[in-house]
Amino acid sequence: MTAILTVKEAASLLKTSRQQVRKMIQSGDLPAVKVGREWRIRADALDDFLTE
């Protein structure tokens, strides 16, 4: 089962701000799904983003 990360968790792993993570999601660079008002990022999608 794949881990699901919040924007805050992804920002911490990427060593950047939550706002920057949201910009990457909006631009389509980082795939994510909106659940209610919050974005969720699959851990494997974050790994793919880092390897590209």
PDB file of N, CA and C in Angstrom:
ATOM      1  N   MET A   1       0.842  -1.189   0.000  1.00  0.00           N
ATOM      2  CA  MET A   1       0.000   0.000   0.000  1.00  0.00           C
ATOM      3  C   MET A   1       0.879   1.241   0.000  1.00  0.00           C
ATOM      4  N   THR A   2       0.511   2.181  -0.816  1.00  0.00           N
ATOM      5  CA  THR A   2       1.286   3.407  -0.965  1.00  0.00           C
ATOM      6  C   THR A   2       0.925   4.418   0.111  1.00  0.00           C
ATOM      7  N   ALA A   3       1.938   5.064   0.648  1.00  0.00           N
ATOM      8  CA  ALA A   3       1.712   6.104   1.656  1.00  0.00           C
ATOM      9  C   ALA A   3       1.137   7.353   0.993  1.00  0.00           C
ATOM     10  N   ILE A   4       0.298   8.042   1.720  1.00  0.00           N
ATOM     11  CA  ILE A   4      -0.309   9.284   1.258  1.00  0.00           C
ATOM     12  C   ILE A   4       0.227  10.413   2.126  1.00  0.00           C
ATOM     13  N   LEU A   5       0.704  11.472   1.484  1.00  0.00           N
ATOM     14  CA  LEU A   5       1.300  12.597   2.201  1.00  0.00           C
ATOM     15  C   LEU A   5       0.427  13.836   2.111  1.00  0.00           C
ATOM     16  N   THR A   6       0.485  14.648   3.144  1.00  0.00           N
ATOM     17  CA  THR A   6      -0.159  15.964   3.103  1.00  0.00           C
ATOM     18  C   THR A   6       0.810  16.939   2.445  1.00  0.00           C
ATOM     19  N   VAL A   7       0.313  18.126   2.137  1.00  0.00           N
ATOM     20  CA  VAL A   7       1.178  19.166   1.563  1.00  0.00           C
ATOM     21  C   VAL A   7       2.296  19.501   2.549  1.00  0.00           C
ATOM     22  N   LYS A   8       1.963  19.575   3.824  1.00  0.00           N
ATOM     23  CA  LYS A   8       2.963  19.892   4.842  1.00  0.00           C
ATOM     24  C   LYS A   8       4.062  18.825   4.896  1.00  0.00           C
ATOM     25  N   GLU A   9       3.673  17.553   4.842  1.00  0.00           N
ATOM     26  CA  GLU A   9       4.648  16.468   4.873  1.00  0.00           C
ATOM     27  C   GLU A   9       5.524  16.481   3.619  1.00  0.00           C
ATOM     28  N   ALA A  10       4.909  16.712   2.466  1.00  0.00           N
ATOM     29  CA  ALA A  10       5.671  16.765   1.215  1.00  0.00           C
ATOM     30  C   ALA A  10       6.651  17.933   1.230  1.00  0.00           C
ATOM     31  N   ALA A  11       6.218  19.074   1.745  1.00  0.00           N
ATOM     32  CA  ALA A  11       7.092  20.244   1.830  1.00  0.00           C
ATOM     33  C   ALA A  11       8.289  19.952   2.731  1.00  0.00           C
ATOM     34  N   SER A  12       8.045  19.258   3.816  1.00  0.00           N
ATOM     35  CA  SER A  12       9.126  18.905   4.733  1.00  0.00           C
ATOM     36  C   SER A  12      10.132  17.980   4.048  1.00  0.00           C
ATOM     37  N   LEU A  13       9.634  16.988   3.323  1.00  0.00           N
ATOM     38  CA  LEU A  13      10.525  16.057   2.628  1.00  0.00           C
ATOM     39  C   LEU A  13      11.319  16.747   1.514  1.00  0.00           C
ATOM     40  N   LEU A  14      10.688  17.713   0.853  1.00  0.00           N
ATOM     41  CA  LEU A  14      11.337  18.434  -0.242  1.00  0.00           C
ATOM     42  C   LEU A  14      12.162  19.615   0.245  1.00  0.00           C
ATOM     43  N   LYS A  15      12.090  19.908   1.527  1.00  0.00           N
ATOM     44  CA  LYS A  15      12.803  21.051   2.114  1.00  0.00           C
ATOM     45  C   LYS A  15      12.399  22.361   1.438  1.00  0.00           C
ATOM     46  N   THR A  16      11.098  22.545   1.309  1.00  0.00           N
ATOM     47  CA  THR A  16      10.550  23.752   0.696  1.00  0.00           C
ATOM     48  C   THR A  16       9.292  24.149   1.457  1.00  0.00           C
ATOM     49  N   SER A  17       8.622  25.192   0.979  1.00  0.00           N
ATOM     50  CA  SER A  17       7.424  25.682   1.656  1.00  0.00           C
ATOM     51  C   SER A  17       6.174  24.957   1.161  1.00  0.00           C
ATOM     52  N   ARG A  18       5.130  25.017   1.975  1.00  0.00           N
ATOM     53  CA  ARG A  18       3.843  24.444   1.565  1.00  0.00           C
ATOM     54  C   ARG A  18       3.312  25.176   0.337  1.00  0.00           C
ATOM     55  N   GLN A  19       3.544  26.489   0.282  1.00  0.00           N
ATOM     56  CA  GLN A  19       3.088  27.278  -0.869  1.00  0.00           C
ATOM     57  C   GLN A  19       3.766  26.797  -2.159  1.00  0.00           C
ATOM     58  N   GLN A  20       5.054  26.482  -2.085  1.00  0.00           N
ATOM     59  CA  GLN A  20       5.765  25.996  -3.277  1.00  0.00           C
ATOM     60  C   GLN A  20       5.225  24.647  -3.723  1.00  0.00           C
ATOM     61  N   VAL A  21       4.904  23.773  -2.771  1.00  0.00           N
ATOM     62  CA  VAL A  21       4.330  22.471  -3.115  1.00  0.00           C
ATOM     63  C   VAL A  21       2.989  22.683  -3.813  1.00  0.00           C
ATOM     64  N   ARG A  22       2.162  23.583  -3.296  1.00  0.00           N
ATOM     65  CA  ARG A  22       0.874  23.878  -3.943  1.00  0.00           C
ATOM     66  C   ARG A  22       1.071  24.409  -5.361  1.00  0.00           C
ATOM     67  N   LYS A  23       2.095  25.228  -5.586  1.00  0.00           N
ATOM     68  CA  LYS A  23       2.388  25.737  -6.931  1.00  0.00           C
ATOM     69  C   LYS A  23       2.772  24.595  -7.868  1.00  0.00           C
ATOM     70  N   MET A  24       3.551  23.636  -7.354  1.00  0.00           N
ATOM     71  CA  MET A  24       3.942  22.487  -8.176  1.00  0.00           C
ATOM     72  C   MET A  24       2.722  21.634  -8.520  1.00  0.00           C
ATOM     73  N   ILE A  25       1.780  21.526  -7.587  1.00  0.00           N
ATOM     74  CA  ILE A  25       0.548  20.774  -7.846  1.00  0.00           C
ATOM     75  C   ILE A  25      -0.281  21.505  -8.905  1.00  0.00           C
ATOM     76  N   GLN A  26      -0.461  22.816  -8.745  1.00  0.00           N
ATOM     77  CA  GLN A  26      -1.275  23.594  -9.681  1.00  0.00           C
ATOM     78  C   GLN A  26      -0.693  23.580 -11.096  1.00  0.00           C
ATOM     79  N   SER A  27       0.637  23.580 -11.210  1.00  0.00           N
ATOM     80  CA  SER A  27       1.276  23.586 -12.531  1.00  0.00           C
ATOM     81  C   SER A  27       1.274  22.205 -13.179  1.00  0.00           C
ATOM     82  N   GLY A  28       0.929  21.170 -12.391  1.00  0.00           N
ATOM     83  CA  GLY A  28       0.898  19.818 -12.930  1.00  0.00           C
ATOM     84  C   GLY A  28       2.220  19.087 -12.793  1.00  0.00           C
ATOM     85  N   ASP A  29       3.230  19.727 -12.199  1.00  0.00           N
ATOM     86  CA  ASP A  29       4.528  19.075 -12.015  1.00  0.00           C
ATOM     87  C   ASP A  29       4.466  17.956 -10.993  1.00  0.00           C
ATOM     88  N   LEU A  30       3.606  18.125  -9.991  1.00  0.00           N
ATOM     89  CA  LEU A  30       3.480  17.137  -8.924  1.00  0.00           C
ATOM     90  C   LEU A  30       2.032  16.654  -8.879  1.00  0.00           C
ATOM     91  N   PRO A  31       1.777  15.394  -9.265  1.00  0.00           N
ATOM     92  CA  PRO A  31       0.400  14.896  -9.257  1.00  0.00           C
ATOM     93  C   PRO A  31      -0.145  14.787  -7.834  1.00  0.00           C
ATOM     94  N   ALA A  32      -1.381  15.216  -7.658  1.00  0.00           N
ATOM     95  CA  ALA A  32      -2.026  15.171  -6.339  1.00  0.00           C
ATOM     96  C   ALA A  32      -3.538  15.092  -6.524  1.00  0.00           C
ATOM     97  N   VAL A  33      -4.210  14.733  -5.449  1.00  0.00           N
ATOM     98  CA  VAL A  33      -5.671  14.624  -5.452  1.00  0.00           C
ATOM     99  C   VAL A  33      -6.203  15.506  -4.338  1.00  0.00           C
ATOM    100  N   LYS A  34      -7.260  16.226  -4.633  1.00  0.00           N
ATOM    101  CA  LYS A  34      -7.866  17.075  -3.614  1.00  0.00           C
ATOM    102  C   LYS A  34      -8.929  16.275  -2.869  1.00  0.00           C
ATOM    103  N   VAL A  35      -8.779  16.218  -1.557  1.00  0.00           N
ATOM    104  CA  VAL A  35      -9.726  15.525  -0.684  1.00  0.00           C
ATOM    105  C   VAL A  35     -10.329  16.589   0.216  1.00  0.00           C
ATOM    106  N   GLY A  36     -11.576  16.931  -0.059  1.00  0.00           N
ATOM    107  CA  GLY A  36     -12.183  18.046   0.676  1.00  0.00           C
ATOM    108  C   GLY A  36     -11.481  19.331   0.298  1.00  0.00           C
ATOM    109  N   ARG A  37     -10.895  19.995   1.275  1.00  0.00           N
ATOM    110  CA  ARG A  37     -10.167  21.243   1.011  1.00  0.00           C
ATOM    111  C   ARG A  37      -8.664  21.038   0.953  1.00  0.00           C
ATOM    112  N   GLU A  38      -8.211  19.820   1.212  1.00  0.00           N
ATOM    113  CA  GLU A  38      -6.782  19.539   1.323  1.00  0.00           C
ATOM    114  C   GLU A  38      -6.273  18.710   0.143  1.00  0.00           C
ATOM    115  N   TRP A  39      -5.020  18.940  -0.236  1.00  0.00           N
ATOM    116  CA  TRP A  39      -4.369  18.145  -1.265  1.00  0.00           C
ATOM    117  C   TRP A  39      -3.661  16.968  -0.631  1.00  0.00           C
ATOM    118  N   ARG A  40      -3.652  15.833  -1.321  1.00  0.00           N
ATOM    119  CA  ARG A  40      -2.935  14.637  -0.890  1.00  0.00           C
ATOM    120  C   ARG A  40      -2.032  14.182  -2.034  1.00  0.00           C
ATOM    121  N   ILE A  41      -0.814  13.808  -1.675  1.00  0.00           N
ATOM    122  CA  ILE A  41       0.189  13.403  -2.654  1.00  0.00           C
ATOM    123  C   ILE A  41       0.613  11.967  -2.334  1.00  0.00           C
ATOM    124  N   ARG A  42       0.604  11.108  -3.342  1.00  0.00           N
ATOM    125  CA  ARG A  42       1.086   9.740  -3.137  1.00  0.00           C
ATOM    126  C   ARG A  42       2.600   9.771  -3.010  1.00  0.00           C
ATOM    127  N   ALA A  43       3.137   8.983  -2.091  1.00  0.00           N
ATOM    128  CA  ALA A  43       4.582   8.947  -1.857  1.00  0.00           C
ATOM    129  C   ALA A  43       5.333   8.510  -3.110  1.00  0.00           C
ATOM    130  N   ASP A  44       4.771   7.557  -3.866  1.00  0.00           N
ATOM    131  CA  ASP A  44       5.463   7.121  -5.082  1.00  0.00           C
ATOM    132  C   ASP A  44       5.450   8.212  -6.156  1.00  0.00           C
ATOM    133  N   ALA A  45       4.422   9.052  -6.172  1.00  0.00           N
ATOM    134  CA  ALA A  45       4.397  10.182  -7.115  1.00  0.00           C
ATOM    135  C   ALA A  45       5.483  11.190  -6.746  1.00  0.00           C
ATOM    136  N   LEU A  46       5.709  11.372  -5.458  1.00  0.00           N
ATOM    137  CA  LEU A  46       6.774  12.271  -5.003  1.00  0.00           C
ATOM    138  C   LEU A  46       8.142  11.692  -5.383  1.00  0.00           C
ATOM    139  N   ASP A  47       8.307  10.396  -5.239  1.00  0.00           N
ATOM    140  CA  ASP A  47       9.556   9.745  -5.645  1.00  0.00           C
ATOM    141  C   ASP A  47       9.797   9.921  -7.148  1.00  0.00           C
ATOM    142  N   ASP A  48       8.743   9.730  -7.955  1.00  0.00           N
ATOM    143  CA  ASP A  48       8.856   9.914  -9.402  1.00  0.00           C
ATOM    144  C   ASP A  48       9.234  11.352  -9.734  1.00  0.00           C
ATOM    145  N   PHE A  49       8.634  12.306  -9.021  1.00  0.00           N
ATOM    146  CA  PHE A  49       8.948  13.719  -9.242  1.00  0.00           C
ATOM    147  C   PHE A  49      10.429  13.986  -8.977  1.00  0.00           C
ATOM    148  N   LEU A  50      10.955  13.395  -7.922  1.00  0.00           N
ATOM    149  CA  LEU A  50      12.361  13.622  -7.549  1.00  0.00           C
ATOM    150  C   LEU A  50      13.324  12.981  -8.511  1.00  0.00           C
ATOM    151  N   THR A  51      12.950  11.878  -9.142  1.00  0.00           N
ATOM    152  CA  THR A  51      13.862  11.192 -10.050  1.00  0.00           C
ATOM    153  C   THR A  51      13.836  11.775 -11.472  1.00  0.00           C
ATOM    154  N   GLU A  52      12.836  12.576 -11.773  1.00  0.00           N
ATOM    155  CA  GLU A  52      12.781  13.179 -13.122  1.00  0.00           C
ATOM    156  C   GLU A  52      13.700  14.364 -13.242  1.00  0.00           C
TER     157      GLU A  52
END
